[in-house]
Amino acid sequence: MNKAETKNFGQPDEIRQFPNGMVEVVKIGGATVGRAVLKPGWRWSTSLQPVAKTKSCEAPHFQYHVSGVLRVRMDDGTELDCKPGDVSLLPPGHDAWVVGSEPVVLVDFQGMVDFAMSL
């Protein structure tokens, strides 16, 4: 990091769209940060698994949850609900879906480098 920088999700470097959702990506200071907007009905195993072609999501995530409820089920069966104000750390090996009628908005500081890249 050689200089101070600022970027805004209002002008992302990239937008990745997929069924029932999208990720706005900014690249700053050598890092990739993504803001995901996931609509009701979004589920990793139906929206992205067919493209990823893995049993479950293999991206690690370090996320701040802005709105909505995201339910996560780890491959070992552990489930947790991520709610507004939560910070979550999710290792590879999980499914996730939107709970309820409010869209999920989250900011991911780790797992968006390749997330939904092949769409």
N, C-alpha and C. Protein backbone atom coordinates (compact mmCIF):
# COMPACT_ATOMS: atom_id res chain seq x y z
N MET A 1 0.86 -1.16 0.00
CA MET A 1 0.00 0.00 0.00
C MET A 1 0.91 1.23 0.00
N ASN A 2 0.89 1.95 -1.10
CA ASN A 2 1.76 3.10 -1.26
C ASN A 2 1.05 4.44 -1.16
N LYS A 3 -0.29 4.43 -1.29
CA LYS A 3 -1.02 5.69 -1.29
C LYS A 3 -2.41 5.50 -0.69
N ALA A 4 -2.97 6.59 -0.24
CA ALA A 4 -4.34 6.57 0.27
C ALA A 4 -5.29 6.49 -0.92
N GLU A 5 -6.36 5.72 -0.75
CA GLU A 5 -7.35 5.56 -1.81
C GLU A 5 -8.74 5.56 -1.22
N THR A 6 -9.70 5.88 -2.03
CA THR A 6 -11.11 5.72 -1.67
C THR A 6 -11.86 5.29 -2.91
N LYS A 7 -12.81 4.41 -2.72
CA LYS A 7 -13.68 3.96 -3.80
C LYS A 7 -15.10 3.90 -3.24
N ASN A 8 -16.06 3.79 -4.16
CA ASN A 8 -17.46 3.80 -3.76
C ASN A 8 -18.21 2.72 -4.51
N PHE A 9 -19.08 2.00 -3.82
CA PHE A 9 -19.88 0.97 -4.48
C PHE A 9 -20.86 1.56 -5.49
N GLY A 10 -21.08 2.87 -5.45
CA GLY A 10 -21.90 3.54 -6.47
C GLY A 10 -21.25 3.52 -7.84
N GLN A 11 -19.93 3.32 -7.86
CA GLN A 11 -19.18 3.21 -9.10
C GLN A 11 -18.21 2.02 -8.97
N PRO A 12 -18.76 0.79 -8.96
CA PRO A 12 -17.92 -0.38 -8.75
C PRO A 12 -17.01 -0.63 -9.97
N ASP A 13 -15.94 -1.36 -9.73
CA ASP A 13 -15.06 -1.76 -10.82
C ASP A 13 -15.71 -2.83 -11.69
N GLU A 14 -16.61 -3.59 -11.10
CA GLU A 14 -17.24 -4.70 -11.80
C GLU A 14 -18.57 -5.02 -11.14
N ILE A 15 -19.53 -5.47 -11.95
CA ILE A 15 -20.81 -5.95 -11.44
C ILE A 15 -21.01 -7.37 -11.96
N ARG A 16 -21.27 -8.29 -11.06
CA ARG A 16 -21.54 -9.69 -11.43
C ARG A 16 -22.98 -9.99 -11.08
N GLN A 17 -23.78 -10.33 -12.08
CA GLN A 17 -25.20 -10.64 -11.86
C GLN A 17 -25.43 -12.13 -12.00
N PHE A 18 -26.37 -12.64 -11.22
CA PHE A 18 -26.72 -14.05 -11.24
C PHE A 18 -28.17 -14.15 -10.81
N PRO A 19 -28.81 -15.32 -10.95
CA PRO A 19 -30.22 -15.43 -10.59
C PRO A 19 -30.50 -14.94 -9.16
N ASN A 20 -31.41 -14.00 -9.04
CA ASN A 20 -31.86 -13.42 -7.76
C ASN A 20 -30.79 -12.64 -7.01
N GLY A 21 -29.74 -12.18 -7.70
CA GLY A 21 -28.75 -11.40 -6.97
C GLY A 21 -27.68 -10.80 -7.84
N MET A 22 -26.81 -10.06 -7.17
CA MET A 22 -25.68 -9.44 -7.84
C MET A 22 -24.61 -9.09 -6.81
N VAL A 23 -23.39 -8.93 -7.30
CA VAL A 23 -22.27 -8.49 -6.48
C VAL A 23 -21.62 -7.31 -7.19
N GLU A 24 -21.44 -6.22 -6.46
CA GLU A 24 -20.68 -5.08 -6.94
C GLU A 24 -19.28 -5.20 -6.33
N VAL A 25 -18.26 -5.14 -7.18
CA VAL A 25 -16.89 -5.39 -6.75
C VAL A 25 -16.06 -4.11 -6.88
N VAL A 26 -15.32 -3.79 -5.82
CA VAL A 26 -14.32 -2.73 -5.89
C VAL A 26 -12.96 -3.34 -5.54
N LYS A 27 -11.96 -2.89 -6.27
CA LYS A 27 -10.59 -3.33 -6.02
C LYS A 27 -9.82 -2.13 -5.52
N ILE A 28 -9.24 -2.29 -4.33
CA ILE A 28 -8.58 -1.16 -3.69
C ILE A 28 -7.40 -1.67 -2.85
N GLY A 29 -6.26 -1.03 -2.98
CA GLY A 29 -5.10 -1.39 -2.17
C GLY A 29 -4.70 -2.84 -2.28
N GLY A 30 -4.93 -3.46 -3.42
CA GLY A 30 -4.60 -4.87 -3.60
C GLY A 30 -5.65 -5.82 -3.08
N ALA A 31 -6.74 -5.30 -2.54
CA ALA A 31 -7.82 -6.13 -2.00
C ALA A 31 -9.05 -6.05 -2.92
N THR A 32 -9.87 -7.08 -2.85
CA THR A 32 -11.14 -7.12 -3.57
C THR A 32 -12.25 -7.19 -2.54
N VAL A 33 -13.15 -6.21 -2.59
CA VAL A 33 -14.28 -6.14 -1.65
C VAL A 33 -15.56 -6.19 -2.47
N GLY A 34 -16.53 -6.97 -2.02
CA GLY A 34 -17.78 -7.07 -2.75
C GLY A 34 -18.98 -6.74 -1.89
N ARG A 35 -19.94 -6.01 -2.49
CA ARG A 35 -21.23 -5.80 -1.84
C ARG A 35 -22.24 -6.64 -2.59
N ALA A 36 -22.82 -7.61 -1.88
CA ALA A 36 -23.82 -8.49 -2.48
C ALA A 36 -25.22 -8.03 -2.12
N VAL A 37 -26.10 -8.09 -3.10
CA VAL A 37 -27.53 -7.87 -2.88
C VAL A 37 -28.21 -9.15 -3.34
N LEU A 38 -28.81 -9.86 -2.40
CA LEU A 38 -29.42 -11.16 -2.64
C LEU A 38 -30.91 -11.04 -2.40
N LYS A 39 -31.70 -11.30 -3.42
CA LYS A 39 -33.15 -11.15 -3.32
C LYS A 39 -33.79 -12.37 -2.67
N PRO A 40 -35.00 -12.20 -2.12
CA PRO A 40 -35.73 -13.37 -1.61
C PRO A 40 -35.80 -14.44 -2.70
N GLY A 41 -35.56 -15.67 -2.32
CA GLY A 41 -35.53 -16.76 -3.27
C GLY A 41 -34.11 -17.15 -3.67
N TRP A 42 -33.12 -16.29 -3.36
CA TRP A 42 -31.74 -16.63 -3.69
C TRP A 42 -31.26 -17.73 -2.76
N ARG A 43 -30.55 -18.68 -3.35
CA ARG A 43 -29.88 -19.74 -2.59
C ARG A 43 -28.64 -20.14 -3.38
N TRP A 44 -27.52 -20.27 -2.69
CA TRP A 44 -26.27 -20.60 -3.38
C TRP A 44 -26.44 -21.88 -4.20
N SER A 45 -27.04 -22.92 -3.61
CA SER A 45 -27.10 -24.22 -4.27
C SER A 45 -27.98 -24.22 -5.52
N THR A 46 -28.87 -23.25 -5.69
CA THR A 46 -29.67 -23.19 -6.91
C THR A 46 -29.21 -22.08 -7.84
N SER A 47 -28.68 -20.99 -7.30
CA SER A 47 -28.28 -19.85 -8.13
C SER A 47 -26.85 -19.96 -8.64
N LEU A 48 -25.95 -20.51 -7.86
CA LEU A 48 -24.53 -20.51 -8.24
C LEU A 48 -23.89 -21.89 -8.33
N GLN A 49 -24.41 -22.88 -7.64
CA GLN A 49 -23.81 -24.22 -7.68
C GLN A 49 -23.74 -24.79 -9.09
N PRO A 50 -24.77 -24.60 -9.92
CA PRO A 50 -24.67 -25.14 -11.28
C PRO A 50 -23.48 -24.58 -12.08
N VAL A 51 -23.06 -23.37 -11.76
CA VAL A 51 -21.92 -22.75 -12.44
C VAL A 51 -20.61 -23.16 -11.76
N ALA A 52 -20.61 -23.14 -10.42
CA ALA A 52 -19.41 -23.48 -9.66
C ALA A 52 -19.04 -24.96 -9.81
N LYS A 53 -20.07 -25.79 -9.96
CA LYS A 53 -19.88 -27.24 -10.11
C LYS A 53 -19.13 -27.86 -8.94
N THR A 54 -19.38 -27.33 -7.74
CA THR A 54 -18.84 -27.92 -6.52
C THR A 54 -20.02 -28.31 -5.64
N LYS A 55 -19.79 -29.22 -4.72
CA LYS A 55 -20.87 -29.69 -3.83
C LYS A 55 -21.45 -28.54 -3.03
N SER A 56 -20.58 -27.66 -2.56
CA SER A 56 -21.01 -26.51 -1.76
C SER A 56 -20.09 -25.34 -2.10
N CYS A 57 -20.39 -24.18 -1.52
CA CYS A 57 -19.58 -22.99 -1.79
C CYS A 57 -18.19 -23.20 -1.19
N GLU A 58 -17.17 -23.05 -2.01
CA GLU A 58 -15.79 -23.26 -1.56
C GLU A 58 -15.06 -21.94 -1.30
N ALA A 59 -15.77 -20.82 -1.40
CA ALA A 59 -15.15 -19.52 -1.11
C ALA A 59 -15.22 -19.25 0.39
N PRO A 60 -14.11 -18.83 0.99
CA PRO A 60 -14.17 -18.39 2.39
C PRO A 60 -14.74 -16.97 2.41
N HIS A 61 -15.53 -16.66 3.41
CA HIS A 61 -16.14 -15.33 3.49
C HIS A 61 -15.88 -14.68 4.85
N PHE A 62 -15.63 -13.38 4.81
CA PHE A 62 -15.52 -12.53 6.00
C PHE A 62 -16.43 -11.36 5.71
N GLN A 63 -17.63 -11.35 6.33
CA GLN A 63 -18.71 -10.47 5.89
C GLN A 63 -19.28 -9.60 7.00
N TYR A 64 -19.72 -8.42 6.60
CA TYR A 64 -20.53 -7.55 7.46
C TYR A 64 -21.92 -7.53 6.85
N HIS A 65 -22.93 -7.82 7.66
CA HIS A 65 -24.31 -7.95 7.20
C HIS A 65 -25.07 -6.65 7.44
N VAL A 66 -25.55 -6.06 6.35
CA VAL A 66 -26.21 -4.76 6.39
C VAL A 66 -27.72 -4.90 6.60
N SER A 67 -28.36 -5.80 5.84
CA SER A 67 -29.81 -5.98 5.96
C SER A 67 -30.20 -7.39 5.57
N GLY A 68 -31.42 -7.77 5.96
CA GLY A 68 -31.94 -9.09 5.66
C GLY A 68 -31.32 -10.16 6.54
N VAL A 69 -31.79 -11.39 6.33
CA VAL A 69 -31.29 -12.54 7.09
C VAL A 69 -30.76 -13.58 6.11
N LEU A 70 -29.51 -13.96 6.30
CA LEU A 70 -28.87 -15.00 5.49
C LEU A 70 -28.67 -16.22 6.37
N ARG A 71 -29.28 -17.33 6.00
CA ARG A 71 -29.07 -18.58 6.73
C ARG A 71 -27.96 -19.35 6.04
N VAL A 72 -27.03 -19.85 6.84
CA VAL A 72 -25.87 -20.59 6.34
C VAL A 72 -25.89 -21.98 6.94
N ARG A 73 -25.71 -22.98 6.09
CA ARG A 73 -25.57 -24.36 6.58
C ARG A 73 -24.21 -24.87 6.12
N MET A 74 -23.38 -25.15 7.11
CA MET A 74 -22.05 -25.70 6.83
C MET A 74 -22.19 -27.17 6.43
N ASP A 75 -21.20 -27.70 5.74
CA ASP A 75 -21.25 -29.10 5.30
C ASP A 75 -21.37 -30.07 6.47
N ASP A 76 -20.94 -29.67 7.68
CA ASP A 76 -21.06 -30.54 8.85
C ASP A 76 -22.45 -30.47 9.49
N GLY A 77 -23.36 -29.68 8.89
CA GLY A 77 -24.73 -29.56 9.39
C GLY A 77 -24.97 -28.36 10.29
N THR A 78 -23.94 -27.68 10.74
CA THR A 78 -24.08 -26.49 11.58
C THR A 78 -24.83 -25.41 10.80
N GLU A 79 -25.83 -24.79 11.43
CA GLU A 79 -26.58 -23.71 10.80
C GLU A 79 -26.48 -22.46 11.65
N LEU A 80 -26.43 -21.31 10.97
CA LEU A 80 -26.48 -20.04 11.68
C LEU A 80 -27.18 -19.02 10.81
N ASP A 81 -27.82 -18.05 11.47
CA ASP A 81 -28.48 -16.95 10.79
C ASP A 81 -27.62 -15.70 10.96
N CYS A 82 -27.31 -15.05 9.84
CA CYS A 82 -26.55 -13.81 9.85
C CYS A 82 -27.55 -12.67 9.66
N LYS A 83 -27.56 -11.75 10.63
CA LYS A 83 -28.56 -10.67 10.67
C LYS A 83 -27.86 -9.32 10.59
N PRO A 84 -28.64 -8.24 10.34
CA PRO A 84 -28.03 -6.91 10.26
C PRO A 84 -27.17 -6.61 11.49
N GLY A 85 -25.97 -6.08 11.22
CA GLY A 85 -25.03 -5.76 12.28
C GLY A 85 -24.06 -6.87 12.60
N ASP A 86 -24.34 -8.10 12.12
CA ASP A 86 -23.45 -9.23 12.38
C ASP A 86 -22.21 -9.17 11.49
N VAL A 87 -21.14 -9.73 12.00
CA VAL A 87 -19.93 -10.00 11.23
C VAL A 87 -19.78 -11.51 11.24
N SER A 88 -19.61 -12.10 10.05
CA SER A 88 -19.49 -13.56 9.98
C SER A 88 -18.20 -13.96 9.30
N LEU A 89 -17.67 -15.09 9.75
CA LEU A 89 -16.49 -15.70 9.16
C LEU A 89 -16.91 -17.11 8.76
N LEU A 90 -16.95 -17.37 7.46
CA LEU A 90 -17.44 -18.64 6.95
C LEU A 90 -16.33 -19.34 6.18
N PRO A 91 -15.87 -20.48 6.66
CA PRO A 91 -14.87 -21.23 5.90
C PRO A 91 -15.51 -21.90 4.69
N PRO A 92 -14.70 -22.40 3.76
CA PRO A 92 -15.26 -23.13 2.62
C PRO A 92 -16.11 -24.31 3.10
N GLY A 93 -17.11 -24.66 2.26
CA GLY A 93 -17.96 -25.81 2.57
C GLY A 93 -19.28 -25.42 3.19
N HIS A 94 -20.11 -24.68 2.44
CA HIS A 94 -21.40 -24.24 2.98
C HIS A 94 -22.39 -23.96 1.86
N ASP A 95 -23.65 -23.93 2.23
CA ASP A 95 -24.74 -23.43 1.40
C ASP A 95 -25.30 -22.23 2.16
N ALA A 96 -25.99 -21.34 1.46
CA ALA A 96 -26.59 -20.18 2.12
C ALA A 96 -27.81 -19.75 1.33
N TRP A 97 -28.78 -19.14 2.04
CA TRP A 97 -29.99 -18.67 1.37
C TRP A 97 -30.62 -17.52 2.15
N VAL A 98 -31.43 -16.75 1.42
CA VAL A 98 -32.15 -15.62 1.99
C VAL A 98 -33.36 -16.15 2.74
N VAL A 99 -33.56 -15.67 3.97
CA VAL A 99 -34.73 -16.04 4.78
C VAL A 99 -35.67 -14.85 4.81
N GLY A 100 -36.94 -15.08 4.52
CA GLY A 100 -37.93 -14.02 4.60
C GLY A 100 -38.05 -13.23 3.30
N SER A 101 -38.71 -12.07 3.40
CA SER A 101 -39.05 -11.28 2.22
C SER A 101 -38.16 -10.05 2.02
N GLU A 102 -37.17 -9.86 2.89
CA GLU A 102 -36.28 -8.71 2.76
C GLU A 102 -34.98 -9.15 2.07
N PRO A 103 -34.52 -8.38 1.08
CA PRO A 103 -33.24 -8.71 0.46
C PRO A 103 -32.10 -8.68 1.48
N VAL A 104 -31.12 -9.52 1.25
CA VAL A 104 -29.90 -9.52 2.05
C VAL A 104 -28.89 -8.61 1.36
N VAL A 105 -28.31 -7.70 2.13
CA VAL A 105 -27.21 -6.88 1.65
C VAL A 105 -26.05 -7.13 2.60
N LEU A 106 -24.90 -7.47 2.03
CA LEU A 106 -23.72 -7.73 2.86
C LEU A 106 -22.48 -7.22 2.13
N VAL A 107 -21.45 -6.94 2.91
CA VAL A 107 -20.16 -6.55 2.37
C VAL A 107 -19.17 -7.63 2.75
N ASP A 108 -18.51 -8.19 1.74
CA ASP A 108 -17.57 -9.30 1.94
C ASP A 108 -16.15 -8.82 1.67
N PHE A 109 -15.29 -9.01 2.66
CA PHE A 109 -13.91 -8.54 2.59
C PHE A 109 -12.93 -9.63 2.18
N GLN A 110 -13.43 -10.86 1.94
CA GLN A 110 -12.51 -11.95 1.65
C GLN A 110 -12.92 -12.81 0.47
N GLY A 111 -14.18 -13.16 0.36
CA GLY A 111 -14.58 -14.23 -0.56
C GLY A 111 -15.07 -13.82 -1.92
N MET A 112 -14.89 -12.57 -2.35
CA MET A 112 -15.46 -12.14 -3.61
C MET A 112 -14.49 -12.10 -4.79
N VAL A 113 -13.26 -12.51 -4.57
CA VAL A 113 -12.27 -12.48 -5.66
C VAL A 113 -12.79 -13.25 -6.86
N ASP A 114 -13.26 -14.49 -6.66
CA ASP A 114 -13.75 -15.33 -7.76
C ASP A 114 -15.24 -15.61 -7.68
N PHE A 115 -15.93 -15.10 -6.68
CA PHE A 115 -17.35 -15.40 -6.45
C PHE A 115 -18.18 -14.99 -7.66
N ALA A 116 -18.93 -15.94 -8.22
CA ALA A 116 -19.82 -15.70 -9.38
C ALA A 116 -19.05 -15.16 -10.58
N MET A 117 -17.78 -15.50 -10.66
CA MET A 117 -16.93 -14.97 -11.73
C MET A 117 -17.26 -15.56 -13.08
N SER A 118 -17.66 -16.83 -13.16
CA SER A 118 -17.85 -17.46 -14.45
C SER A 118 -19.24 -17.29 -15.04
N LEU A 119 -19.98 -16.33 -14.56
CA LEU A 119 -21.33 -16.12 -15.13
C LEU A 119 -21.28 -15.17 -16.29
